[in-house]
């Protein structure tokens, strides 16, 4: 029993360290899932804005831009008969930790629009 009692304090310290590492890894995985979800929302918004812009539907473009993730920037331009839209946002991980997320969509203009 003496050997078991001598082993307990170090086992407790090791368990505490492992618990901290597991908690940190869990937080990172949750943040990564959130960043991927934000990237998906940006891609959906870029696709929708590009599609409506290529059709020339200004009202639908305005609605699609409003549906972009909060704080996202939407950039539209025309390149060689196609509408190109980029939607960018910042994936935040508490405090000052951010990661830029950007999605791009290109759609051919309909009916020879420019």
PDB file of N, CA and C in Angstrom:
ATOM      1  N   UNK A   1       0.811  -1.207   0.000  1.00  0.00           N
ATOM      2  CA  UNK A   1       0.000   0.000   0.000  1.00  0.00           C
ATOM      3  C   UNK A   1       0.851   1.267   0.000  1.00  0.00           C
ATOM      4  N   UNK A   2       2.047   1.161   0.567  1.00  0.00           N
ATOM      5  CA  UNK A   2       2.938   2.331   0.595  1.00  0.00           C
ATOM      6  C   UNK A   2       3.313   2.757  -0.830  1.00  0.00           C
ATOM      7  N   UNK A   3       3.569   1.801  -1.691  1.00  0.00           N
ATOM      8  CA  UNK A   3       3.910   2.101  -3.083  1.00  0.00           C
ATOM      9  C   UNK A   3       2.734   2.770  -3.783  1.00  0.00           C
ATOM     10  N   UNK A   4       1.531   2.332  -3.464  1.00  0.00           N
ATOM     11  CA  UNK A   4       0.328   2.929  -4.062  1.00  0.00           C
ATOM     12  C   UNK A   4       0.154   4.366  -3.591  1.00  0.00           C
ATOM     13  N   UNK A   5       0.391   4.629  -2.305  1.00  0.00           N
ATOM     14  CA  UNK A   5       0.267   5.984  -1.781  1.00  0.00           C
ATOM     15  C   UNK A   5       1.332   6.905  -2.376  1.00  0.00           C
ATOM     16  N   UNK A   6       2.529   6.399  -2.607  1.00  0.00           N
ATOM     17  CA  UNK A   6       3.580   7.208  -3.212  1.00  0.00           C
ATOM     18  C   UNK A   6       3.254   7.542  -4.667  1.00  0.00           C
ATOM     19  N   UNK A   7       2.544   6.689  -5.340  1.00  0.00           N
ATOM     20  CA  UNK A   7       2.221   6.903  -6.749  1.00  0.00           C
ATOM     21  C   UNK A   7       1.054   7.864  -6.940  1.00  0.00           C
ATOM     22  N   UNK A   8       0.189   8.011  -5.991  1.00  0.00           N
ATOM     23  CA  UNK A   8      -1.012   8.824  -6.141  1.00  0.00           C
ATOM     24  C   UNK A   8      -0.754  10.291  -6.450  1.00  0.00           C
ATOM     25  N   UNK A   9       0.133  11.003  -5.759  1.00  0.00           N
ATOM     26  CA  UNK A   9       0.309  12.417  -6.088  1.00  0.00           C
ATOM     27  C   UNK A   9       0.775  12.647  -7.523  1.00  0.00           C
ATOM     28  N   UNK A  10       1.691  11.856  -8.033  1.00  0.00           N
ATOM     29  CA  UNK A  10       2.147  12.064  -9.401  1.00  0.00           C
ATOM     30  C   UNK A  10       1.055  11.684 -10.393  1.00  0.00           C
ATOM     31  N   UNK A  11       0.276  10.678 -10.072  1.00  0.00           N
ATOM     32  CA  UNK A  11      -0.826  10.304 -10.953  1.00  0.00           C
ATOM     33  C   UNK A  11      -1.852  11.424 -11.023  1.00  0.00           C
ATOM     34  N   UNK A  12      -2.103  12.068  -9.915  1.00  0.00           N
ATOM     35  CA  UNK A  12      -3.059  13.173  -9.884  1.00  0.00           C
ATOM     36  C   UNK A  12      -2.552  14.337 -10.724  1.00  0.00           C
ATOM     37  N   UNK A  13      -1.272  14.636 -10.633  1.00  0.00           N
ATOM     38  CA  UNK A  13      -0.699  15.722 -11.426  1.00  0.00           C
ATOM     39  C   UNK A  13      -0.756  15.389 -12.915  1.00  0.00           C
ATOM     40  N   UNK A  14      -0.458  14.147 -13.253  1.00  0.00           N
ATOM     41  CA  UNK A  14      -0.524  13.745 -14.658  1.00  0.00           C
ATOM     42  C   UNK A  14      -1.954  13.819 -15.178  1.00  0.00           C
ATOM     43  N   UNK A  15      -2.888  13.389 -14.368  1.00  0.00           N
ATOM     44  CA  UNK A  15      -4.300  13.451 -14.758  1.00  0.00           C
ATOM     45  C   UNK A  15      -4.735  14.902 -14.955  1.00  0.00           C
ATOM     46  N   UNK A  16      -4.269  15.787 -14.111  1.00  0.00           N
ATOM     47  CA  UNK A  16      -4.608  17.211 -14.262  1.00  0.00           C
ATOM     48  C   UNK A  16      -4.043  17.762 -15.564  1.00  0.00           C
ATOM     49  N   UNK A  17      -2.813  17.401 -15.896  1.00  0.00           N
ATOM     50  CA  UNK A  17      -2.206  17.881 -17.147  1.00  0.00           C
ATOM     51  C   UNK A  17      -2.937  17.319 -18.366  1.00  0.00           C
ATOM     52  N   UNK A  18      -3.267  16.046 -18.317  1.00  0.00           N
ATOM     53  CA  UNK A  18      -3.992  15.425 -19.431  1.00  0.00           C
ATOM     54  C   UNK A  18      -5.361  16.078 -19.584  1.00  0.00           C
ATOM     55  N   UNK A  19      -6.009  16.378 -18.490  1.00  0.00           N
ATOM     56  CA  UNK A  19      -7.324  17.029 -18.542  1.00  0.00           C
ATOM     57  C   UNK A  19      -7.233  18.404 -19.195  1.00  0.00           C
ATOM     58  N   UNK A  20      -6.185  19.160 -18.868  1.00  0.00           N
ATOM     59  CA  UNK A  20      -5.998  20.472 -19.477  1.00  0.00           C
ATOM     60  C   UNK A  20      -5.748  20.353 -20.983  1.00  0.00           C
ATOM     61  N   UNK A  21      -4.928  19.400 -21.378  1.00  0.00           N
ATOM     62  CA  UNK A  21      -4.632  19.207 -22.799  1.00  0.00           C
ATOM     63  C   UNK A  21      -5.903  18.802 -23.548  1.00  0.00           C
ATOM     64  N   UNK A  22      -6.680  17.899 -22.975  1.00  0.00           N
ATOM     65  CA  UNK A  22      -7.931  17.472 -23.614  1.00  0.00           C
ATOM     66  C   UNK A  22      -8.894  18.654 -23.735  1.00  0.00           C
ATOM     67  N   UNK A  23      -8.985  19.474 -22.707  1.00  0.00           N
ATOM     68  CA  UNK A  23      -9.869  20.646 -22.759  1.00  0.00           C
ATOM     69  C   UNK A  23      -9.413  21.624 -23.841  1.00  0.00           C
ATOM     70  N   UNK A  24      -8.110  21.845 -23.951  1.00  0.00           N
ATOM     71  CA  UNK A  24      -7.602  22.755 -24.979  1.00  0.00           C
ATOM     72  C   UNK A  24      -7.853  22.198 -26.381  1.00  0.00           C
ATOM     73  N   UNK A  25      -7.611  20.921 -26.572  1.00  0.00           N
ATOM     74  CA  UNK A  25      -7.863  20.304 -27.873  1.00  0.00           C
ATOM     75  C   UNK A  25      -9.342  20.352 -28.237  1.00  0.00           C
ATOM     76  N   UNK A  26     -10.198  20.152 -27.274  1.00  0.00           N
ATOM     77  CA  UNK A  26     -11.640  20.241 -27.511  1.00  0.00           C
ATOM     78  C   UNK A  26     -12.025  21.647 -27.939  1.00  0.00           C
ATOM     79  N   UNK A  27     -11.464  22.648 -27.283  1.00  0.00           N
ATOM     80  CA  UNK A  27     -11.756  24.038 -27.654  1.00  0.00           C
ATOM     81  C   UNK A  27     -11.290  24.333 -29.076  1.00  0.00           C
ATOM     82  N   UNK A  28     -10.117  23.836 -29.453  1.00  0.00           N
ATOM     83  CA  UNK A  28      -9.603  24.061 -30.807  1.00  0.00           C
ATOM     84  C   UNK A  28     -10.491  23.371 -31.833  1.00  0.00           C
ATOM     85  N   UNK A  29     -10.917  22.158 -31.565  1.00  0.00           N
ATOM     86  CA  UNK A  29     -11.796  21.439 -32.497  1.00  0.00           C
ATOM     87  C   UNK A  29     -13.130  22.159 -32.648  1.00  0.00           C
ATOM     88  N   UNK A  30     -13.686  22.622 -31.554  1.00  0.00           N
ATOM     89  CA  UNK A  30     -14.954  23.369 -31.622  1.00  0.00           C
ATOM     90  C   UNK A  30     -14.763  24.639 -32.445  1.00  0.00           C
ATOM     91  N   UNK A  31     -13.653  25.353 -32.254  1.00  0.00           N
ATOM     92  CA  UNK A  31     -13.393  26.555 -33.032  1.00  0.00           C
ATOM     93  C   UNK A  31     -13.246  26.227 -34.517  1.00  0.00           C
ATOM     94  N   UNK A  32     -12.544  25.143 -34.837  1.00  0.00           N
ATOM     95  CA  UNK A  32     -12.375  24.749 -36.232  1.00  0.00           C
ATOM     96  C   UNK A  32     -13.717  24.421 -36.884  1.00  0.00           C
ATOM     97  N   UNK A  33     -14.575  23.760 -36.155  1.00  0.00           N
ATOM     98  CA  UNK A  33     -15.912  23.460 -36.684  1.00  0.00           C
ATOM     99  C   UNK A  33     -16.670  24.760 -36.935  1.00  0.00           C
ATOM    100  N   UNK A  34     -16.560  25.705 -36.017  1.00  0.00           N
ATOM    101  CA  UNK A  34     -17.200  27.009 -36.212  1.00  0.00           C
ATOM    102  C   UNK A  34     -16.637  27.758 -37.409  1.00  0.00           C
ATOM    103  N   UNK A  35     -15.317  27.686 -37.593  1.00  0.00           N
ATOM    104  CA  UNK A  35     -14.689  28.354 -38.741  1.00  0.00           C
ATOM    105  C   UNK A  35     -15.146  27.716 -40.050  1.00  0.00           C
ATOM    106  N   UNK A  36     -15.258  26.400 -40.072  1.00  0.00           N
ATOM    107  CA  UNK A  36     -15.753  25.718 -41.278  1.00  0.00           C
ATOM    108  C   UNK A  36     -17.210  26.060 -41.559  1.00  0.00           C
ATOM    109  N   UNK A  37     -17.999  26.176 -40.511  1.00  0.00           N
ATOM    110  CA  UNK A  37     -19.403  26.575 -40.694  1.00  0.00           C
ATOM    111  C   UNK A  37     -19.481  27.994 -41.259  1.00  0.00           C
ATOM    112  N   UNK A  38     -18.629  28.895 -40.771  1.00  0.00           N
ATOM    113  CA  UNK A  38     -18.594  30.260 -41.291  1.00  0.00           C
ATOM    114  C   UNK A  38     -18.141  30.268 -42.751  1.00  0.00           C
ATOM    115  N   UNK A  39     -17.152  29.456 -43.080  1.00  0.00           N
ATOM    116  CA  UNK A  39     -16.704  29.344 -44.471  1.00  0.00           C
ATOM    117  C   UNK A  39     -17.841  28.862 -45.367  1.00  0.00           C
ATOM    118  N   UNK A  40     -18.608  27.903 -44.887  1.00  0.00           N
ATOM    119  CA  UNK A  40     -19.756  27.413 -45.652  1.00  0.00           C
ATOM    120  C   UNK A  40     -20.783  28.521 -45.877  1.00  0.00           C
ATOM    121  N   UNK A  41     -21.078  29.298 -44.841  1.00  0.00           N
ATOM    122  CA  UNK A  41     -22.032  30.408 -44.989  1.00  0.00           C
ATOM    123  C   UNK A  41     -21.510  31.443 -45.988  1.00  0.00           C
ATOM    124  N   UNK A  42     -20.216  31.716 -45.952  1.00  0.00           N
ATOM    125  CA  UNK A  42     -19.631  32.660 -46.918  1.00  0.00           C
ATOM    126  C   UNK A  42     -19.754  32.123 -48.333  1.00  0.00           C
ATOM    127  N   UNK A  43     -19.520  30.822 -48.525  1.00  0.00           N
ATOM    128  CA  UNK A  43     -19.609  30.232 -49.859  1.00  0.00           C
ATOM    129  C   UNK A  43     -21.044  30.271 -50.380  1.00  0.00           C
ATOM    130  N   UNK A  44     -21.997  29.959 -49.533  1.00  0.00           N
ATOM    131  CA  UNK A  44     -23.407  30.012 -49.930  1.00  0.00           C
ATOM    132  C   UNK A  44     -23.785  31.445 -50.318  1.00  0.00           C
ATOM    133  N   UNK A  45     -23.337  32.416 -49.547  1.00  0.00           N
ATOM    134  CA  UNK A  45     -23.634  33.819 -49.855  1.00  0.00           C
ATOM    135  C   UNK A  45     -22.971  34.247 -51.162  1.00  0.00           C
ATOM    136  N   UNK A  46     -21.713  33.865 -51.360  1.00  0.00           N
ATOM    137  CA  UNK A  46     -21.017  34.222 -52.598  1.00  0.00           C
ATOM    138  C   UNK A  46     -21.727  33.628 -53.807  1.00  0.00           C
ATOM    139  N   UNK A  47     -22.146  32.371 -53.702  1.00  0.00           N
ATOM    140  CA  UNK A  47     -22.867  31.730 -54.803  1.00  0.00           C
ATOM    141  C   UNK A  47     -24.165  32.465 -55.120  1.00  0.00           C
ATOM    142  N   UNK A  48     -24.916  32.787 -54.085  1.00  0.00           N
ATOM    143  CA  UNK A  48     -26.216  33.434 -54.291  1.00  0.00           C
ATOM    144  C   UNK A  48     -26.054  34.842 -54.876  1.00  0.00           C
ATOM    145  N   UNK A  49     -25.135  35.627 -54.334  1.00  0.00           N
ATOM    146  CA  UNK A  49     -24.925  36.982 -54.847  1.00  0.00           C
ATOM    147  C   UNK A  49     -24.458  36.922 -56.300  1.00  0.00           C
ATOM    148  N   UNK A  50     -23.531  36.030 -56.616  1.00  0.00           N
ATOM    149  CA  UNK A  50     -23.027  35.913 -57.988  1.00  0.00           C
ATOM    150  C   UNK A  50     -24.142  35.503 -58.945  1.00  0.00           C
ATOM    151  N   UNK A  51     -24.953  34.549 -58.547  1.00  0.00           N
ATOM    152  CA  UNK A  51     -26.050  34.094 -59.405  1.00  0.00           C
ATOM    153  C   UNK A  51     -27.037  35.222 -59.693  1.00  0.00           C
ATOM    154  N   UNK A  52     -27.417  35.959 -58.653  1.00  0.00           N
ATOM    155  CA  UNK A  52     -28.393  37.044 -58.841  1.00  0.00           C
ATOM    156  C   UNK A  52     -27.790  38.220 -59.606  1.00  0.00           C
ATOM    157  N   UNK A  53     -26.514  38.503 -59.354  1.00  0.00           N
ATOM    158  CA  UNK A  53     -25.838  39.585 -60.085  1.00  0.00           C
ATOM    159  C   UNK A  53     -25.736  39.226 -61.567  1.00  0.00           C
ATOM    160  N   UNK A  54     -25.433  37.972 -61.882  1.00  0.00           N
ATOM    161  CA  UNK A  54     -25.327  37.538 -63.275  1.00  0.00           C
ATOM    162  C   UNK A  54     -26.669  37.639 -63.989  1.00  0.00           C
ATOM    163  N   UNK A  55     -27.758  37.493 -63.248  1.00  0.00           N
ATOM    164  CA  UNK A  55     -29.101  37.625 -63.829  1.00  0.00           C
ATOM    165  C   UNK A  55     -29.527  39.083 -63.961  1.00  0.00           C
ATOM    166  N   UNK A  56     -28.857  39.951 -63.216  1.00  0.00           N
ATOM    167  CA  UNK A  56     -29.211  41.363 -63.261  1.00  0.00           C
ATOM    168  C   UNK A  56     -30.334  41.740 -62.310  1.00  0.00           C
ATOM    169  N   UNK A  57     -30.616  40.908 -61.322  1.00  0.00           N
ATOM    170  CA  UNK A  57     -31.699  41.152 -60.363  1.00  0.00           C
ATOM    171  C   UNK A  57     -31.132  41.895 -59.152  1.00  0.00           C
ATOM    172  N   UNK A  58     -31.186  43.225 -59.201  1.00  0.00           N
ATOM    173  CA  UNK A  58     -30.600  44.060 -58.144  1.00  0.00           C
ATOM    174  C   UNK A  58     -31.264  43.851 -56.784  1.00  0.00           C
ATOM    175  N   UNK A  59     -32.594  43.676 -56.751  1.00  0.00           N
ATOM    176  CA  UNK A  59     -33.294  43.470 -55.481  1.00  0.00           C
ATOM    177  C   UNK A  59     -32.840  42.161 -54.830  1.00  0.00           C
ATOM    178  N   UNK A  60     -32.706  41.114 -55.643  1.00  0.00           N
ATOM    179  CA  UNK A  60     -32.260  39.830 -55.100  1.00  0.00           C
ATOM    180  C   UNK A  60     -30.802  39.900 -54.646  1.00  0.00           C
ATOM    181  N   UNK A  61     -29.979  40.695 -55.339  1.00  0.00           N
ATOM    182  CA  UNK A  61     -28.584  40.880 -54.933  1.00  0.00           C
ATOM    183  C   UNK A  61     -28.541  41.540 -53.554  1.00  0.00           C
ATOM    184  N   UNK A  62     -29.355  42.565 -53.366  1.00  0.00           N
ATOM    185  CA  UNK A  62     -29.385  43.265 -52.075  1.00  0.00           C
ATOM    186  C   UNK A  62     -29.827  42.317 -50.955  1.00  0.00           C
ATOM    187  N   UNK A  63     -30.839  41.491 -51.227  1.00  0.00           N
ATOM    188  CA  UNK A  63     -31.295  40.525 -50.216  1.00  0.00           C
ATOM    189  C   UNK A  63     -30.199  39.505 -49.903  1.00  0.00           C
ATOM    190  N   UNK A  64     -29.543  39.011 -50.940  1.00  0.00           N
ATOM    191  CA  UNK A  64     -28.488  38.013 -50.731  1.00  0.00           C
ATOM    192  C   UNK A  64     -27.312  38.605 -49.948  1.00  0.00           C
ATOM    193  N   UNK A  65     -26.976  39.862 -50.219  1.00  0.00           N
ATOM    194  CA  UNK A  65     -25.894  40.500 -49.458  1.00  0.00           C
ATOM    195  C   UNK A  65     -26.280  40.692 -47.999  1.00  0.00           C
ATOM    196  N   UNK A  66     -27.547  41.000 -47.748  1.00  0.00           N
ATOM    197  CA  UNK A  66     -28.004  41.123 -46.355  1.00  0.00           C
ATOM    198  C   UNK A  66     -27.960  39.778 -45.630  1.00  0.00           C
ATOM    199  N   UNK A  67     -28.115  38.685 -46.372  1.00  0.00           N
ATOM    200  CA  UNK A  67     -28.097  37.351 -45.770  1.00  0.00           C
ATOM    201  C   UNK A  67     -26.689  36.826 -45.505  1.00  0.00           C
ATOM    202  N   UNK A  68     -25.671  37.563 -45.934  1.00  0.00           N
ATOM    203  CA  UNK A  68     -24.287  37.149 -45.679  1.00  0.00           C
ATOM    204  C   UNK A  68     -24.041  37.148 -44.167  1.00  0.00           C
ATOM    205  N   UNK A  69     -23.060  36.387 -43.702  1.00  0.00           N
ATOM    206  CA  UNK A  69     -22.774  36.360 -42.258  1.00  0.00           C
ATOM    207  C   UNK A  69     -22.512  37.766 -41.707  1.00  0.00           C
ATOM    208  N   UNK A  70     -22.857  37.972 -40.456  1.00  0.00           N
ATOM    209  CA  UNK A  70     -22.671  39.277 -39.803  1.00  0.00           C
ATOM    210  C   UNK A  70     -21.205  39.692 -39.866  1.00  0.00           C
ATOM    211  N   UNK A  71     -20.973  40.919 -40.285  1.00  0.00           N
ATOM    212  CA  UNK A  71     -19.621  41.459 -40.360  1.00  0.00           C
ATOM    213  C   UNK A  71     -18.846  41.059 -41.605  1.00  0.00           C
ATOM    214  N   UNK A  72     -19.472  40.306 -42.498  1.00  0.00           N
ATOM    215  CA  UNK A  72     -18.786  39.861 -43.716  1.00  0.00           C
ATOM    216  C   UNK A  72     -18.720  40.986 -44.736  1.00  0.00           C
ATOM    217  N   UNK A  73     -17.682  40.954 -45.565  1.00  0.00           N
ATOM    218  CA  UNK A  73     -17.567  41.899 -46.673  1.00  0.00           C
ATOM    219  C   UNK A  73     -17.891  41.162 -47.966  1.00  0.00           C
ATOM    220  N   UNK A  74     -18.649  41.826 -48.836  1.00  0.00           N
ATOM    221  CA  UNK A  74     -19.026  41.245 -50.123  1.00  0.00           C
ATOM    222  C   UNK A  74     -18.450  42.124 -51.218  1.00  0.00           C
ATOM    223  N   UNK A  75     -17.647  41.537 -52.087  1.00  0.00           N
ATOM    224  CA  UNK A  75     -17.021  42.258 -53.196  1.00  0.00           C
ATOM    225  C   UNK A  75     -17.514  41.656 -54.496  1.00  0.00           C
ATOM    226  N   UNK A  76     -18.031  42.520 -55.399  1.00  0.00           N
ATOM    227  CA  UNK A  76     -18.534  42.061 -56.697  1.00  0.00           C
ATOM    228  C   UNK A  76     -17.719  42.718 -57.799  1.00  0.00           C
ATOM    229  N   UNK A  77     -17.453  41.947 -58.862  1.00  0.00           N
ATOM    230  CA  UNK A  77     -16.801  42.509 -60.048  1.00  0.00           C
ATOM    231  C   UNK A  77     -17.141  41.641 -61.255  1.00  0.00           C
ATOM    232  N   UNK A  78     -16.907  42.222 -62.445  1.00  0.00           N
ATOM    233  CA  UNK A  78     -17.154  41.503 -63.699  1.00  0.00           C
ATOM    234  C   UNK A  78     -15.815  41.241 -64.368  1.00  0.00           C
ATOM    235  N   UNK A  79     -15.597  39.996 -64.785  1.00  0.00           N
ATOM    236  CA  UNK A  79     -14.354  39.612 -65.462  1.00  0.00           C
ATOM    237  C   UNK A  79     -14.705  38.766 -66.678  1.00  0.00           C
ATOM    238  N   UNK A  80     -14.461  39.281 -67.850  1.00  0.00           N
ATOM    239  CA  UNK A  80     -14.613  38.507 -69.070  1.00  0.00           C
ATOM    240  C   UNK A  80     -15.936  37.784 -69.226  1.00  0.00           C
ATOM    241  N   UNK A  81     -17.040  38.456 -69.053  1.00  0.00           N
ATOM    242  CA  UNK A  81     -18.350  37.840 -69.223  1.00  0.00           C
ATOM    243  C   UNK A  81     -18.834  37.034 -68.037  1.00  0.00           C
ATOM    244  N   UNK A  82     -18.168  37.166 -66.914  1.00  0.00           N
ATOM    245  CA  UNK A  82     -18.585  36.450 -65.706  1.00  0.00           C
ATOM    246  C   UNK A  82     -18.660  37.423 -64.534  1.00  0.00           C
ATOM    247  N   UNK A  83     -19.533  37.116 -63.623  1.00  0.00           N
ATOM    248  CA  UNK A  83     -19.630  37.869 -62.373  1.00  0.00           C
ATOM    249  C   UNK A  83     -18.846  37.099 -61.315  1.00  0.00           C
ATOM    250  N   UNK A  84     -17.941  37.793 -60.644  1.00  0.00           N
ATOM    251  CA  UNK A  84     -17.116  37.180 -59.604  1.00  0.00           C
ATOM    252  C   UNK A  84     -17.441  37.862 -58.280  1.00  0.00           C
ATOM    253  N   UNK A  85     -17.747  37.053 -57.279  1.00  0.00           N
ATOM    254  CA  UNK A  85     -18.103  37.582 -55.958  1.00  0.00           C
ATOM    255  C   UNK A  85     -17.204  36.920 -54.922  1.00  0.00           C
ATOM    256  N   UNK A  86     -16.688  37.734 -54.017  1.00  0.00           N
ATOM    257  CA  UNK A  86     -15.914  37.236 -52.885  1.00  0.00           C
ATOM    258  C   UNK A  86     -16.586  37.691 -51.598  1.00  0.00           C
ATOM    259  N   UNK A  87     -16.734  36.768 -50.675  1.00  0.00           N
ATOM    260  CA  UNK A  87     -17.303  37.071 -49.364  1.00  0.00           C
ATOM    261  C   UNK A  87     -16.250  36.698 -48.331  1.00  0.00           C
ATOM    262  N   UNK A  88     -15.902  37.652 -47.493  1.00  0.00           N
ATOM    263  CA  UNK A  88     -14.886  37.418 -46.468  1.00  0.00           C
ATOM    264  C   UNK A  88     -15.410  37.747 -45.090  1.00  0.00           C
ATOM    265  N   UNK A  89     -14.943  37.008 -44.108  1.00  0.00           N
ATOM    266  CA  UNK A  89     -15.339  37.243 -42.715  1.00  0.00           C
ATOM    267  C   UNK A  89     -14.177  36.835 -41.817  1.00  0.00           C
ATOM    268  N   UNK A  90     -14.305  37.122 -40.546  1.00  0.00           N
ATOM    269  CA  UNK A  90     -13.294  36.768 -39.560  1.00  0.00           C
ATOM    270  C   UNK A  90     -13.859  35.721 -38.607  1.00  0.00           C
ATOM    271  N   UNK A  91     -13.241  34.552 -38.572  1.00  0.00           N
ATOM    272  CA  UNK A  91     -13.619  33.528 -37.589  1.00  0.00           C
ATOM    273  C   UNK A  91     -12.944  33.921 -36.280  1.00  0.00           C
ATOM    274  N   UNK A  92     -13.728  34.149 -35.263  1.00  0.00           N
ATOM    275  CA  UNK A  92     -13.187  34.627 -33.986  1.00  0.00           C
ATOM    276  C   UNK A  92     -13.106  33.490 -32.971  1.00  0.00           C
ATOM    277  N   UNK A  93     -12.042  33.517 -32.201  1.00  0.00           N
ATOM    278  CA  UNK A  93     -11.838  32.538 -31.139  1.00  0.00           C
ATOM    279  C   UNK A  93     -11.539  33.302 -29.859  1.00  0.00           C
ATOM    280  N   UNK A  94     -12.538  33.970 -29.352  1.00  0.00           N
ATOM    281  CA  UNK A  94     -12.381  34.731 -28.118  1.00  0.00           C
ATOM    282  C   UNK A  94     -11.271  35.769 -28.187  1.00  0.00           C
ATOM    283  N   UNK A  95     -11.548  36.936 -27.751  1.00  0.00           N
ATOM    284  CA  UNK A  95     -10.537  37.976 -27.674  1.00  0.00           C
ATOM    285  C   UNK A  95      -9.890  38.316 -29.001  1.00  0.00           C
ATOM    286  N   UNK A  96      -8.567  38.411 -29.019  1.00  0.00           N
ATOM    287  CA  UNK A  96      -7.863  38.896 -30.214  1.00  0.00           C
ATOM    288  C   UNK A  96      -7.609  37.827 -31.281  1.00  0.00           C
ATOM    289  N   UNK A  97      -7.979  36.584 -31.028  1.00  0.00           N
ATOM    290  CA  UNK A  97      -7.669  35.509 -31.967  1.00  0.00           C
ATOM    291  C   UNK A  97      -8.710  35.452 -33.077  1.00  0.00           C
ATOM    292  N   UNK A  98      -8.282  35.770 -34.299  1.00  0.00           N
ATOM    293  CA  UNK A  98      -9.174  35.705 -35.451  1.00  0.00           C
ATOM    294  C   UNK A  98      -8.457  35.014 -36.605  1.00  0.00           C
ATOM    295  N   UNK A  99      -9.240  34.492 -37.520  1.00  0.00           N
ATOM    296  CA  UNK A  99      -8.704  33.853 -38.713  1.00  0.00           C
ATOM    297  C   UNK A  99      -9.554  34.298 -39.889  1.00  0.00           C
ATOM    298  N   UNK A 100      -8.935  34.863 -40.939  1.00  0.00           N
ATOM    299  CA  UNK A 100      -9.734  35.307 -42.083  1.00  0.00           C
ATOM    300  C   UNK A 100     -10.278  34.114 -42.873  1.00  0.00           C
ATOM    301  N   UNK A 101     -11.551  34.217 -43.237  1.00  0.00           N
ATOM    302  CA  UNK A 101     -12.228  33.187 -44.024  1.00  0.00           C
ATOM    303  C   UNK A 101     -12.748  33.874 -45.275  1.00  0.00           C
ATOM    304  N   UNK A 102     -12.482  33.288 -46.450  1.00  0.00           N
ATOM    305  CA  UNK A 102     -12.895  33.914 -47.706  1.00  0.00           C
ATOM    306  C   UNK A 102     -13.407  32.855 -48.659  1.00  0.00           C
ATOM    307  N   UNK A 103     -14.548  33.165 -49.297  1.00  0.00           N
ATOM    308  CA  UNK A 103     -15.123  32.282 -50.310  1.00  0.00           C
ATOM    309  C   UNK A 103     -15.300  33.063 -51.603  1.00  0.00           C
ATOM    310  N   UNK A 104     -15.196  32.373 -52.738  1.00  0.00           N
ATOM    311  CA  UNK A 104     -15.275  33.021 -54.053  1.00  0.00           C
ATOM    312  C   UNK A 104     -16.213  32.220 -54.932  1.00  0.00           C
ATOM    313  N   UNK A 105     -17.013  32.933 -55.725  1.00  0.00           N
ATOM    314  CA  UNK A 105     -17.906  32.289 -56.691  1.00  0.00           C
ATOM    315  C   UNK A 105     -17.862  33.078 -57.993  1.00  0.00           C
ATOM    316  N   UNK A 106     -17.864  32.363 -59.106  1.00  0.00           N
ATOM    317  CA  UNK A 106     -17.889  32.985 -60.427  1.00  0.00           C
ATOM    318  C   UNK A 106     -19.028  32.357 -61.228  1.00  0.00           C
ATOM    319  N   UNK A 107     -19.862  33.214 -61.835  1.00  0.00           N
ATOM    320  CA  UNK A 107     -21.014  32.755 -62.617  1.00  0.00           C
ATOM    321  C   UNK A 107     -21.006  33.516 -63.941  1.00  0.00           C
ATOM    322  N   UNK A 108     -21.222  32.794 -65.045  1.00  0.00           N
ATOM    323  CA  UNK A 108     -21.299  33.450 -66.354  1.00  0.00           C
ATOM    324  C   UNK A 108     -22.514  34.368 -66.391  1.00  0.00           C
ATOM    325  N   UNK A 109     -22.322  35.572 -66.934  1.00  0.00           N
ATOM    326  CA  UNK A 109     -23.435  36.510 -67.061  1.00  0.00           C
ATOM    327  C   UNK A 109     -24.477  35.948 -68.027  1.00  0.00           C
ATOM    328  N   UNK A 110     -25.747  36.151 -67.697  1.00  0.00           N
ATOM    329  CA  UNK A 110     -26.831  35.644 -68.542  1.00  0.00           C
ATOM    330  C   UNK A 110     -27.198  36.649 -69.618  1.00  0.00           C
ATOM    331  N   UNK A 111     -27.548  36.137 -70.792  1.00  0.00           N
ATOM    332  CA  UNK A 111     -28.052  36.984 -71.860  1.00  0.00           C
ATOM    333  C   UNK A 111     -27.058  38.014 -72.368  1.00  0.00           C
ATOM    334  N   UNK A 112     -25.777  37.723 -72.283  1.00  0.00           N
ATOM    335  CA  UNK A 112     -24.773  38.649 -72.788  1.00  0.00           C
ATOM    336  C   UNK A 112     -24.663  39.928 -71.970  1.00  0.00           C
ATOM    337  N   UNK A 113     -25.173  39.907 -70.728  1.00  0.00           N
ATOM    338  CA  UNK A 113     -25.036  41.098 -69.861  1.00  0.00           C
ATOM    339  C   UNK A 113     -23.589  41.360 -69.535  1.00  0.00           C
ATOM    340  N   UNK A 114     -23.318  42.580 -69.284  1.00  0.00           N
ATOM    341  CA  UNK A 114     -21.987  42.967 -68.832  1.00  0.00           C
ATOM    342  C   UNK A 114     -22.114  43.856 -67.656  1.00  0.00           C
TER     343      UNK A 114
END
